[in-house]
Amino acid sequence: MSAQAAAALLVALLLLVVVRLPWAGDLGMHAATVQRLRHSLVHPGNPLVDADSPSPYYSPWMLLLGVVAKLTGLSVFVVLRLGALAGLGLLVTGVLRHVRTLSAHRAAPALALLSLLLLWGPVLFNWSGFLGLNSLALTVSYPSVLALGLAFHFWAWLTRASRGQAGWGVWLGLGALWALILLCHQFTGVVASLGALAALLAARPARTALLRLGAGLALGLLVLWLWPYYDFFALFSAGADLEAIHRPLYQDLAGRFGLVLLGVAALALRWRRDRRDPLVLFFVLGALVFAAGGLSGHYSWGRALPAALIPAQLAAALEAVSAGRRGMRRGWACVLLAALAVGAWTQAGTLGYVIDRDTLPGAVAAKYREPWTGYQWIMRAGVRYGDVVMTGEWPARQIPAYGPYTVAPGYPDVFLKDAGRREAAVNRYFAAGASDRVRRGILREYDVKWVVAGRSAAAPWLHEVTVGPGGKALYRVVP
């Protein structure tokens, strides 16, 4: 099978995944964000709890999806599917355009896409902003995918502008695009910025272009400053709240990313040929930021890891079409093919998102991970948009997707000032020794109308309405 055919099959698989849209990770957060925007484009409030606070999830992309939902009346999950198609399209075309600035070989873009999706490690790894096939299948509707697609277009556009005599309009457009990426997904914006710096260092644009570059940078900063839905620059002081959840990024590096070492070897070969190779510079910048995060305890800096992975994965693919002697190219291609096969086997469970598990071969079915079960059933039982629901952390990651609020957010919220107080209230409510007076006081304080919990949570002031999957019950709060 040719590289082009294999890449096309993987893209087709991802298109089928969009139809299923498996629920995992942050899908509930993004659905809740669109829910709030479809009801109020100007003052959407917090996406998860009934509070008037800004949110970094209110990006230009989510605003556009909110407008689509408001004007068309389509359900939030249909709109997210449309967004997934747009994000996937931008990603594929962005990879193609960027690789064309690095190689003219007709197989290079397809090999690059295969490497980005499959060249990871023998241990499955899923995280938004990371382009593994299984990870992408679970995050395809997230803003991070759109931002990565825009980043590849950004790098391609910037590379061409740096090499030529681009006018003021091009550089100003690049500055606006840079800001758009940062607003849509801040971590991917960091990756895009490192890639842009590497491209500029490699191209060494003429002095006449530096003034235009500065103007583009100034415009980008102005857009970030003027964005009305949240204070972008306030995020720089919010890292301390994100360190714990990002610490796993520094665990089991060999298992998760071991195959990328092939790309590191390819980068070494590129560096021998060109000391200012853009992929080598990109990798070094990404690796330095990632290492600095691990050494300093700023584990959220680990989200810059794609800035090291992407250039290594691209280098591995490009070496298969650019190595010097024909025999050397064939040897490299064979090694790359073997590594891609290992990566494909690791992520074979992705097939389960489009094919019923019972019809998969046993070894593949064992790799499939069941998506989360949604909470549509509480809406059918009478819960309405804007109602406040008392529940634990995991249900709180899904329930706001349908319109209700929860007492405490299911995700870290750097702009919600009373997030800690809300989490403490939930813990007190569900504590084994909590008194009836304390529990009822918490329900009144947050105007709670419903409780979702195990059946052991029954109380005189709760009326059981229905029982959903997993034994969770929905209770109406009796005044």
Protein backbone atom coordinates (compact mmCIF):
# COMPACT_ATOMS: atom_id res chain seq x y z
CA MET A 1 0.00 0.00 0.00
CA SER A 2 1.36 3.45 -0.92
CA ALA A 3 1.85 6.14 1.69
CA GLN A 4 -0.87 8.22 0.07
CA ALA A 5 -3.40 5.37 0.27
CA ALA A 6 -2.52 4.61 3.90
CA ALA A 7 -2.85 8.26 4.88
CA ALA A 8 -6.19 8.49 3.09
CA LEU A 9 -7.46 5.46 5.01
CA LEU A 10 -6.53 7.03 8.34
CA VAL A 11 -8.25 10.29 7.37
CA ALA A 12 -11.33 8.31 6.35
CA LEU A 13 -11.25 6.54 9.72
CA LEU A 14 -11.16 9.89 11.50
CA LEU A 15 -14.08 11.15 9.40
CA LEU A 16 -16.10 8.13 10.53
CA VAL A 17 -15.07 8.84 14.11
CA VAL A 18 -16.58 12.31 13.76
CA VAL A 19 -19.95 10.67 13.06
CA ARG A 20 -19.73 8.68 16.30
CA LEU A 21 -18.02 11.47 18.29
CA PRO A 22 -16.93 9.29 21.23
CA TRP A 23 -17.33 10.99 24.59
CA ALA A 24 -14.15 11.27 26.64
CA GLY A 25 -11.93 13.88 28.21
CA ASP A 26 -12.98 17.51 27.78
CA LEU A 27 -15.87 17.03 25.36
CA GLY A 28 -18.36 18.09 28.03
CA MET A 29 -16.50 21.35 28.64
CA HIS A 30 -16.55 22.29 24.96
CA ALA A 31 -20.20 21.31 24.57
CA ALA A 32 -21.07 23.39 27.64
CA THR A 33 -19.18 26.36 26.16
CA VAL A 34 -21.25 26.20 22.98
CA GLN A 35 -24.41 25.83 25.09
CA ARG A 36 -23.74 29.07 26.95
CA LEU A 37 -22.86 30.98 23.78
CA ARG A 38 -25.96 29.83 21.93
CA HIS A 39 -28.05 31.25 24.78
CA SER A 40 -26.07 34.48 25.21
CA LEU A 41 -23.32 35.59 22.86
CA VAL A 42 -22.52 38.71 24.87
CA HIS A 43 -22.71 37.51 28.49
CA PRO A 44 -22.43 33.71 28.51
CA GLY A 45 -21.10 33.48 32.08
CA ASN A 46 -19.16 30.52 33.41
CA PRO A 47 -19.62 27.43 31.20
CA LEU A 48 -19.93 24.97 34.10
CA VAL A 49 -21.37 26.70 37.15
CA ASP A 50 -23.98 29.39 37.68
CA ALA A 51 -21.54 32.27 38.07
CA ASP A 52 -20.72 35.43 36.14
CA SER A 53 -17.04 34.79 35.44
CA PRO A 54 -14.91 34.83 32.27
CA SER A 55 -13.48 31.68 30.77
CA PRO A 56 -10.52 30.97 28.46
CA TYR A 57 -12.77 28.50 26.65
CA TYR A 58 -14.64 31.42 25.08
CA SER A 59 -12.33 31.56 22.09
CA PRO A 60 -13.06 32.99 18.62
CA TRP A 61 -13.64 29.45 17.34
CA MET A 62 -16.13 28.54 20.05
CA LEU A 63 -17.84 31.89 19.52
CA LEU A 64 -18.28 31.02 15.85
CA LEU A 65 -19.71 27.60 16.76
CA GLY A 66 -22.04 29.30 19.24
CA VAL A 67 -23.27 31.61 16.49
CA VAL A 68 -23.87 28.61 14.22
CA ALA A 69 -25.83 26.85 16.97
CA LYS A 70 -27.89 29.98 17.68
CA LEU A 71 -28.73 30.72 14.04
CA THR A 72 -29.41 27.17 12.86
CA GLY A 73 -31.01 25.66 15.95
CA LEU A 74 -28.82 22.60 15.51
CA SER A 75 -27.96 20.62 18.63
CA VAL A 76 -24.65 21.35 20.28
CA PHE A 77 -23.26 17.93 19.37
CA VAL A 78 -24.14 18.38 15.69
CA VAL A 79 -22.36 21.73 15.75
CA LEU A 80 -19.33 20.10 17.38
CA ARG A 81 -19.29 17.53 14.59
CA LEU A 82 -19.26 20.34 12.02
CA GLY A 83 -16.42 21.94 13.95
CA ALA A 84 -14.56 18.63 13.95
CA LEU A 85 -14.81 18.42 10.16
CA ALA A 86 -13.43 21.94 9.82
CA GLY A 87 -10.61 21.27 12.28
CA LEU A 88 -9.65 17.99 10.62
CA GLY A 89 -9.68 19.63 7.20
CA LEU A 90 -7.41 22.43 8.39
CA LEU A 91 -5.06 19.93 10.00
CA VAL A 92 -4.65 17.75 6.91
CA THR A 93 -4.24 20.69 4.51
CA GLY A 94 -1.93 22.45 6.98
CA VAL A 95 0.38 19.44 7.19
CA LEU A 96 0.44 19.27 3.39
CA ARG A 97 1.30 22.96 3.00
CA HIS A 98 3.95 22.94 5.72
CA VAL A 99 5.68 19.80 4.44
CA ARG A 100 5.78 21.33 0.96
CA THR A 101 8.05 24.04 2.38
CA LEU A 102 10.43 21.29 3.53
CA SER A 103 10.36 18.80 0.64
CA ALA A 104 9.10 18.66 -2.93
CA HIS A 105 8.83 14.86 -2.96
CA ARG A 106 5.27 13.81 -3.80
CA ALA A 107 5.15 11.20 -1.02
CA ALA A 108 6.43 13.55 1.69
CA PRO A 109 3.06 14.95 2.89
CA ALA A 110 1.48 11.50 3.21
CA LEU A 111 4.50 10.08 5.04
CA ALA A 112 4.50 13.10 7.32
CA LEU A 113 0.83 12.61 8.19
CA LEU A 114 1.41 8.92 8.89
CA SER A 115 4.34 9.76 11.17
CA LEU A 116 2.37 12.42 13.05
CA LEU A 117 -0.47 9.96 13.69
CA LEU A 118 1.44 6.71 14.30
CA LEU A 119 5.04 7.41 15.34
CA TRP A 120 4.53 7.53 19.11
CA GLY A 121 5.29 4.57 21.37
CA PRO A 122 4.19 1.09 22.42
CA VAL A 123 2.08 2.51 25.28
CA LEU A 124 -1.16 4.26 24.35
CA PHE A 125 -1.20 7.99 25.12
CA ASN A 126 -4.13 10.38 24.81
CA TRP A 127 -4.06 14.13 25.48
CA SER A 128 -5.52 17.13 23.68
CA GLY A 129 -2.97 18.93 21.55
CA PHE A 130 -1.14 15.66 20.80
CA LEU A 131 -1.60 14.15 17.35
CA GLY A 132 -1.59 10.41 17.97
CA LEU A 133 -4.35 8.65 16.03
CA ASN A 134 -6.27 7.50 19.10
CA SER A 135 -5.78 10.83 20.84
CA LEU A 136 -7.00 12.67 17.76
CA ALA A 137 -10.04 10.40 17.52
CA LEU A 138 -11.06 11.41 21.05
CA THR A 139 -10.27 15.12 20.64
CA VAL A 140 -11.18 15.74 17.01
CA SER A 141 -13.93 18.22 17.96
CA TYR A 142 -11.72 20.11 20.42
CA PRO A 143 -10.35 23.60 19.68
CA SER A 144 -6.83 22.14 20.02
CA VAL A 145 -7.24 20.28 16.71
CA LEU A 146 -8.34 23.42 14.90
CA ALA A 147 -5.47 25.34 16.52
CA LEU A 148 -2.94 22.70 15.40
CA GLY A 149 -4.31 22.88 11.87
CA LEU A 150 -3.96 26.65 11.91
CA ALA A 151 -0.44 26.27 13.33
CA PHE A 152 0.70 24.17 10.37
CA HIS A 153 -0.76 26.76 7.96
CA PHE A 154 0.90 29.50 10.03
CA TRP A 155 4.32 27.87 9.79
CA ALA A 156 3.95 27.35 6.05
CA TRP A 157 2.86 30.93 5.48
CA LEU A 158 5.59 32.33 7.74
CA THR A 159 8.30 30.25 6.04
CA ARG A 160 7.32 31.52 2.61
CA ALA A 161 7.09 35.10 3.86
CA SER A 162 10.53 34.88 5.48
CA ARG A 163 12.10 33.55 2.30
CA GLY A 164 10.55 36.13 -0.01
CA GLN A 165 9.60 39.78 -0.16
CA ALA A 166 6.26 39.66 1.60
CA GLY A 167 4.36 42.91 1.96
CA TRP A 168 2.87 44.56 5.01
CA GLY A 169 -0.48 42.82 4.57
CA VAL A 170 1.10 39.36 4.76
CA TRP A 171 2.97 40.12 7.96
CA LEU A 172 -0.05 41.74 9.59
CA GLY A 173 -2.12 38.71 8.59
CA LEU A 174 0.48 36.44 10.20
CA GLY A 175 0.27 38.44 13.41
CA ALA A 176 -3.51 38.15 13.50
CA LEU A 177 -3.33 34.40 12.80
CA TRP A 178 -0.79 33.96 15.62
CA ALA A 179 -3.17 35.67 18.03
CA LEU A 180 -6.09 33.57 16.80
CA ILE A 181 -4.18 30.35 17.53
CA LEU A 182 -3.27 31.54 21.02
CA LEU A 183 -6.87 32.50 21.78
CA CYS A 184 -8.29 29.22 20.47
CA HIS A 185 -5.93 26.96 22.43
CA GLN A 186 -3.27 28.56 24.56
CA PHE A 187 -0.98 25.53 24.83
CA THR A 188 -1.01 24.96 21.08
CA GLY A 189 -0.32 28.67 20.73
CA VAL A 190 2.93 28.14 22.63
CA VAL A 191 3.84 25.30 20.25
CA ALA A 192 2.99 27.50 17.27
CA SER A 193 5.15 30.30 18.68
CA LEU A 194 8.16 28.00 19.13
CA GLY A 195 7.73 26.71 15.58
CA ALA A 196 7.54 30.27 14.29
CA LEU A 197 10.71 31.25 16.13
CA ALA A 198 12.51 28.25 14.65
CA ALA A 199 11.33 29.15 11.15
CA LEU A 200 12.56 32.73 11.55
CA LEU A 201 15.95 31.66 12.94
CA ALA A 202 16.38 29.25 10.03
CA ALA A 203 15.26 31.67 7.31
CA ARG A 204 17.12 34.72 8.64
CA PRO A 205 14.75 37.23 6.98
CA ALA A 206 16.22 40.41 5.57
CA ARG A 207 16.45 43.47 7.79
CA THR A 208 13.78 45.14 5.72
CA ALA A 209 11.36 42.42 6.80
CA LEU A 210 12.05 42.88 10.51
CA LEU A 211 9.98 46.07 10.75
CA ARG A 212 7.04 44.30 9.13
CA LEU A 213 7.56 41.34 11.43
CA GLY A 214 7.44 43.71 14.40
CA ALA A 215 4.23 45.25 13.12
CA GLY A 216 2.66 41.80 12.78
CA LEU A 217 3.74 40.92 16.31
CA ALA A 218 2.30 44.19 17.64
CA LEU A 219 -1.01 43.54 15.90
CA GLY A 220 -1.15 40.05 17.36
CA LEU A 221 -0.55 41.40 20.87
CA LEU A 222 -3.24 44.03 20.32
CA VAL A 223 -5.76 41.35 19.31
CA LEU A 224 -4.90 39.35 22.44
CA TRP A 225 -5.33 42.44 24.59
CA LEU A 226 -8.65 43.45 23.03
CA TRP A 227 -10.32 40.01 23.16
CA PRO A 228 -13.37 40.70 25.34
CA TYR A 229 -14.27 37.25 26.70
CA TYR A 230 -11.29 36.75 29.01
CA ASP A 231 -7.99 38.37 29.95
CA PHE A 232 -5.43 36.42 27.96
CA PHE A 233 -2.45 37.86 29.82
CA ALA A 234 -3.92 36.88 33.19
CA LEU A 235 -3.28 33.26 32.21
CA PHE A 236 0.44 33.75 32.84
CA SER A 237 -0.25 33.87 36.59
CA ALA A 238 -2.55 30.84 36.54
CA GLY A 239 0.02 28.09 36.00
CA ALA A 240 0.18 27.07 39.65
CA ASP A 241 -3.40 25.79 39.47
CA LEU A 242 -2.54 23.51 36.54
CA GLU A 243 0.68 21.84 37.62
CA ALA A 244 -0.77 18.75 39.31
CA ILE A 245 -2.94 17.65 36.39
CA HIS A 246 0.01 18.00 33.98
CA ARG A 247 2.53 16.03 36.01
CA PRO A 248 1.63 12.77 34.18
CA LEU A 249 3.10 14.29 31.01
CA TYR A 250 6.53 13.58 32.49
CA GLN A 251 5.83 9.91 33.24
CA ASP A 252 6.66 6.84 31.12
CA LEU A 253 8.28 8.89 28.36
CA ALA A 254 9.90 5.85 26.71
CA GLY A 255 6.65 3.90 26.57
CA ARG A 256 4.57 6.76 25.25
CA PHE A 257 7.06 8.38 22.86
CA GLY A 258 9.81 5.82 22.33
CA LEU A 259 9.29 5.50 18.57
CA VAL A 260 9.97 9.22 18.18
CA LEU A 261 13.65 8.44 18.83
CA LEU A 262 13.77 7.44 15.16
CA GLY A 263 12.89 11.04 14.39
CA VAL A 264 15.58 12.29 16.76
CA ALA A 265 18.11 10.26 14.78
CA ALA A 266 16.77 11.84 11.59
CA LEU A 267 17.16 15.28 13.14
CA ALA A 268 20.81 14.50 13.89
CA LEU A 269 21.33 13.68 10.21
CA ARG A 270 19.59 16.89 9.16
CA TRP A 271 21.75 18.88 11.59
CA ARG A 272 24.92 17.45 10.03
CA ARG A 273 23.70 18.69 6.65
CA ASP A 274 22.43 22.08 7.85
CA ARG A 275 23.24 23.66 11.20
CA ARG A 276 20.21 25.96 10.87
CA ASP A 277 17.68 23.33 9.84
CA PRO A 278 14.21 24.59 10.93
CA LEU A 279 13.08 21.20 12.25
CA VAL A 280 16.23 20.84 14.35
CA LEU A 281 15.78 24.33 15.82
CA PHE A 282 12.09 23.63 16.49
CA PHE A 283 12.95 20.39 18.28
CA VAL A 284 15.63 22.02 20.42
CA LEU A 285 13.29 24.82 21.50
CA GLY A 286 10.51 22.40 22.37
CA ALA A 287 12.81 20.03 24.23
CA LEU A 288 14.28 22.91 26.26
CA VAL A 289 10.86 24.17 27.37
CA PHE A 290 9.70 20.65 28.23
CA ALA A 291 12.87 19.90 30.20
CA ALA A 292 12.68 23.24 32.01
CA GLY A 293 9.14 22.43 33.10
CA GLY A 294 10.17 19.09 34.53
CA LEU A 295 13.22 20.46 36.33
CA SER A 296 11.41 23.47 37.80
CA GLY A 297 8.16 21.75 38.73
CA HIS A 298 6.17 23.80 36.20
CA TYR A 299 4.54 20.68 34.80
CA SER A 300 2.06 22.65 32.69
CA TRP A 301 5.05 23.51 30.49
CA GLY A 302 4.89 19.87 29.46
CA ARG A 303 2.14 20.90 27.05
CA ALA A 304 4.96 22.28 24.90
CA LEU A 305 6.10 18.70 24.21
CA PRO A 306 4.48 18.65 20.73
CA ALA A 307 7.06 21.28 19.81
CA ALA A 308 9.67 18.52 20.17
CA LEU A 309 7.54 15.64 18.89
CA ILE A 310 6.24 17.25 15.70
CA PRO A 311 9.64 18.18 14.19
CA ALA A 312 11.04 14.74 15.09
CA GLN A 313 8.08 12.96 13.50
CA LEU A 314 8.34 15.11 10.38
CA ALA A 315 12.09 14.52 10.18
CA ALA A 316 11.59 10.75 10.34
CA ALA A 317 9.20 10.93 7.39
CA LEU A 318 11.30 13.31 5.33
CA GLU A 319 14.47 11.26 5.79
CA ALA A 320 12.76 8.37 3.98
CA VAL A 321 12.51 10.51 0.84
CA SER A 322 15.66 12.65 1.16
CA ALA A 323 18.44 10.37 2.44
CA GLY A 324 21.51 10.52 0.19
CA ARG A 325 22.04 7.13 -1.45
CA ARG A 326 19.19 5.03 -2.83
CA GLY A 327 20.07 2.07 -0.63
CA MET A 328 20.15 4.32 2.42
CA ARG A 329 16.69 5.68 1.57
CA ARG A 330 15.33 2.15 1.24
CA GLY A 331 16.85 1.11 4.54
CA TRP A 332 15.44 4.16 6.31
CA ALA A 333 12.02 3.57 4.71
CA CYS A 334 11.99 -0.01 5.99
CA VAL A 335 12.85 1.09 9.52
CA LEU A 336 10.18 3.81 9.37
CA LEU A 337 7.60 1.33 8.07
CA ALA A 338 8.34 -1.04 10.96
CA ALA A 339 8.03 1.79 13.49
CA LEU A 340 4.75 2.94 11.94
CA ALA A 341 3.44 -0.62 12.11
CA VAL A 342 4.22 -0.78 15.84
CA GLY A 343 2.51 2.56 16.36
CA ALA A 344 -0.51 1.46 14.35
CA TRP A 345 -0.85 -1.72 16.41
CA THR A 346 -0.64 0.25 19.65
CA GLN A 347 -3.52 2.45 18.48
CA ALA A 348 -5.55 -0.28 16.75
CA GLY A 349 -8.30 0.15 19.32
CA THR A 350 -9.28 3.34 17.48
CA LEU A 351 -11.19 1.06 15.10
CA GLY A 352 -13.64 0.41 17.93
CA TYR A 353 -14.98 3.94 17.60
CA VAL A 354 -16.38 3.16 14.14
CA ILE A 355 -16.79 -0.64 14.19
CA ASP A 356 -18.80 -2.56 16.75
CA ARG A 357 -16.49 -4.16 19.26
CA ASP A 358 -18.08 -7.59 18.76
CA THR A 359 -17.02 -7.64 15.11
CA LEU A 360 -13.37 -6.72 15.81
CA PRO A 361 -10.70 -9.41 16.10
CA GLY A 362 -10.15 -10.29 19.74
CA ALA A 363 -6.65 -8.81 19.94
CA VAL A 364 -7.89 -5.50 18.49
CA ALA A 365 -11.03 -5.45 20.64
CA ALA A 366 -8.84 -5.81 23.73
CA LYS A 367 -7.19 -2.50 22.84
CA TYR A 368 -10.49 -0.64 22.53
CA ARG A 369 -11.47 1.66 25.38
CA GLU A 370 -15.20 2.22 25.88
CA PRO A 371 -16.20 5.93 25.68
CA TRP A 372 -18.02 7.52 28.57
CA THR A 373 -21.78 7.16 28.92
CA GLY A 374 -23.58 10.48 28.54
CA TYR A 375 -26.15 12.08 30.84
CA GLN A 376 -28.93 12.62 28.30
CA TRP A 377 -31.19 10.58 30.58
CA ILE A 378 -31.39 13.30 33.22
CA MET A 379 -32.74 15.75 30.63
CA ARG A 380 -35.44 13.29 29.59
CA ALA A 381 -36.38 12.98 33.26
CA GLY A 382 -37.13 16.68 33.67
CA VAL A 383 -33.88 18.57 34.24
CA ARG A 384 -33.90 21.88 32.36
CA TYR A 385 -31.36 24.30 30.98
CA GLY A 386 -29.86 26.40 33.77
CA ASP A 387 -30.90 24.08 36.61
CA VAL A 388 -28.18 23.51 39.22
CA VAL A 389 -27.22 19.89 39.89
CA MET A 390 -25.31 18.62 42.91
CA THR A 391 -22.99 15.80 41.89
CA GLY A 392 -19.41 14.52 42.05
CA GLU A 393 -16.46 15.37 39.82
CA TRP A 394 -16.94 12.88 36.97
CA PRO A 395 -20.65 13.56 36.33
CA ALA A 396 -19.79 17.27 36.58
CA ARG A 397 -17.59 16.81 33.50
CA GLN A 398 -20.58 15.82 31.41
CA ILE A 399 -23.81 17.26 32.81
CA PRO A 400 -23.15 20.92 31.78
CA ALA A 401 -22.86 19.76 28.16
CA TYR A 402 -26.67 19.46 28.10
CA GLY A 403 -27.36 22.86 29.64
CA PRO A 404 -27.58 22.44 33.46
CA TYR A 405 -24.97 23.79 35.84
CA THR A 406 -23.16 21.91 38.59
CA VAL A 407 -22.25 23.23 42.03
CA ALA A 408 -18.51 22.76 41.48
CA PRO A 409 -16.74 22.69 38.10
CA GLY A 410 -15.57 19.31 36.88
CA TYR A 411 -12.42 20.91 35.47
CA PRO A 412 -9.84 23.36 36.87
CA ASP A 413 -11.09 26.93 36.38
CA VAL A 414 -8.45 29.61 36.77
CA PHE A 415 -10.95 32.51 36.60
CA LEU A 416 -13.59 31.15 39.01
CA LYS A 417 -12.59 32.80 42.28
CA ASP A 418 -14.74 30.59 44.53
CA ALA A 419 -13.86 27.30 42.82
CA GLY A 420 -12.18 25.98 45.97
CA ARG A 421 -15.17 26.93 48.11
CA ARG A 422 -17.52 25.18 45.72
CA GLU A 423 -15.42 22.01 45.69
CA ALA A 424 -15.32 22.05 49.49
CA ALA A 425 -19.12 22.39 49.57
CA VAL A 426 -19.53 19.32 47.34
CA ASN A 427 -17.13 17.34 49.51
CA ARG A 428 -19.01 18.37 52.66
CA TYR A 429 -22.34 17.42 51.14
CA PHE A 430 -21.23 13.91 50.21
CA ALA A 431 -19.16 13.35 53.36
CA ALA A 432 -20.35 10.29 55.27
CA GLY A 433 -20.85 12.13 58.55
CA ALA A 434 -22.51 15.28 57.19
CA SER A 435 -25.65 16.32 59.05
CA ASP A 436 -29.01 16.93 57.40
CA ARG A 437 -28.78 20.61 58.36
CA VAL A 438 -25.40 21.02 56.61
CA ARG A 439 -26.55 19.26 53.47
CA ARG A 440 -29.79 21.22 53.18
CA GLY A 441 -27.91 24.45 53.82
CA ILE A 442 -25.55 23.72 50.91
CA LEU A 443 -28.47 22.95 48.61
CA ARG A 444 -30.13 26.26 49.52
CA GLU A 445 -26.90 28.25 49.18
CA TYR A 446 -26.35 27.14 45.57
CA ASP A 447 -30.05 26.94 44.63
CA VAL A 448 -29.69 23.23 43.82
CA LYS A 449 -32.74 21.67 42.17
CA TRP A 450 -31.37 18.18 41.48
CA VAL A 451 -28.89 15.69 42.90
CA VAL A 452 -27.15 12.99 40.84
CA ALA A 453 -25.55 10.35 43.05
CA GLY A 454 -25.66 6.70 44.04
CA ARG A 455 -28.87 5.32 45.45
CA SER A 456 -27.34 5.41 48.92
CA ALA A 457 -27.66 9.21 48.80
CA ALA A 458 -31.43 9.04 49.35
CA ALA A 459 -32.74 11.48 51.99
CA PRO A 460 -36.13 12.82 53.14
CA TRP A 461 -35.67 16.03 51.12
CA LEU A 462 -34.82 14.13 47.93
CA HIS A 463 -37.37 12.51 45.61
CA GLU A 464 -35.92 9.79 43.37
CA VAL A 465 -37.00 10.42 39.79
CA THR A 466 -35.07 7.83 37.78
CA VAL A 467 -31.99 5.65 37.73
CA GLY A 468 -29.48 5.89 34.90
CA PRO A 469 -26.53 3.86 33.62
CA GLY A 470 -24.04 2.72 36.22
CA GLY A 471 -26.56 2.89 39.04
CA LYS A 472 -26.54 6.69 39.31
CA ALA A 473 -29.88 8.07 40.46
CA LEU A 474 -31.49 11.42 39.74
CA TYR A 475 -33.17 13.06 42.73
CA ARG A 476 -35.39 16.15 42.74
CA VAL A 477 -34.78 18.43 45.71
CA VAL A 478 -38.02 18.77 47.67
CA PRO A 479 -38.51 22.29 49.11
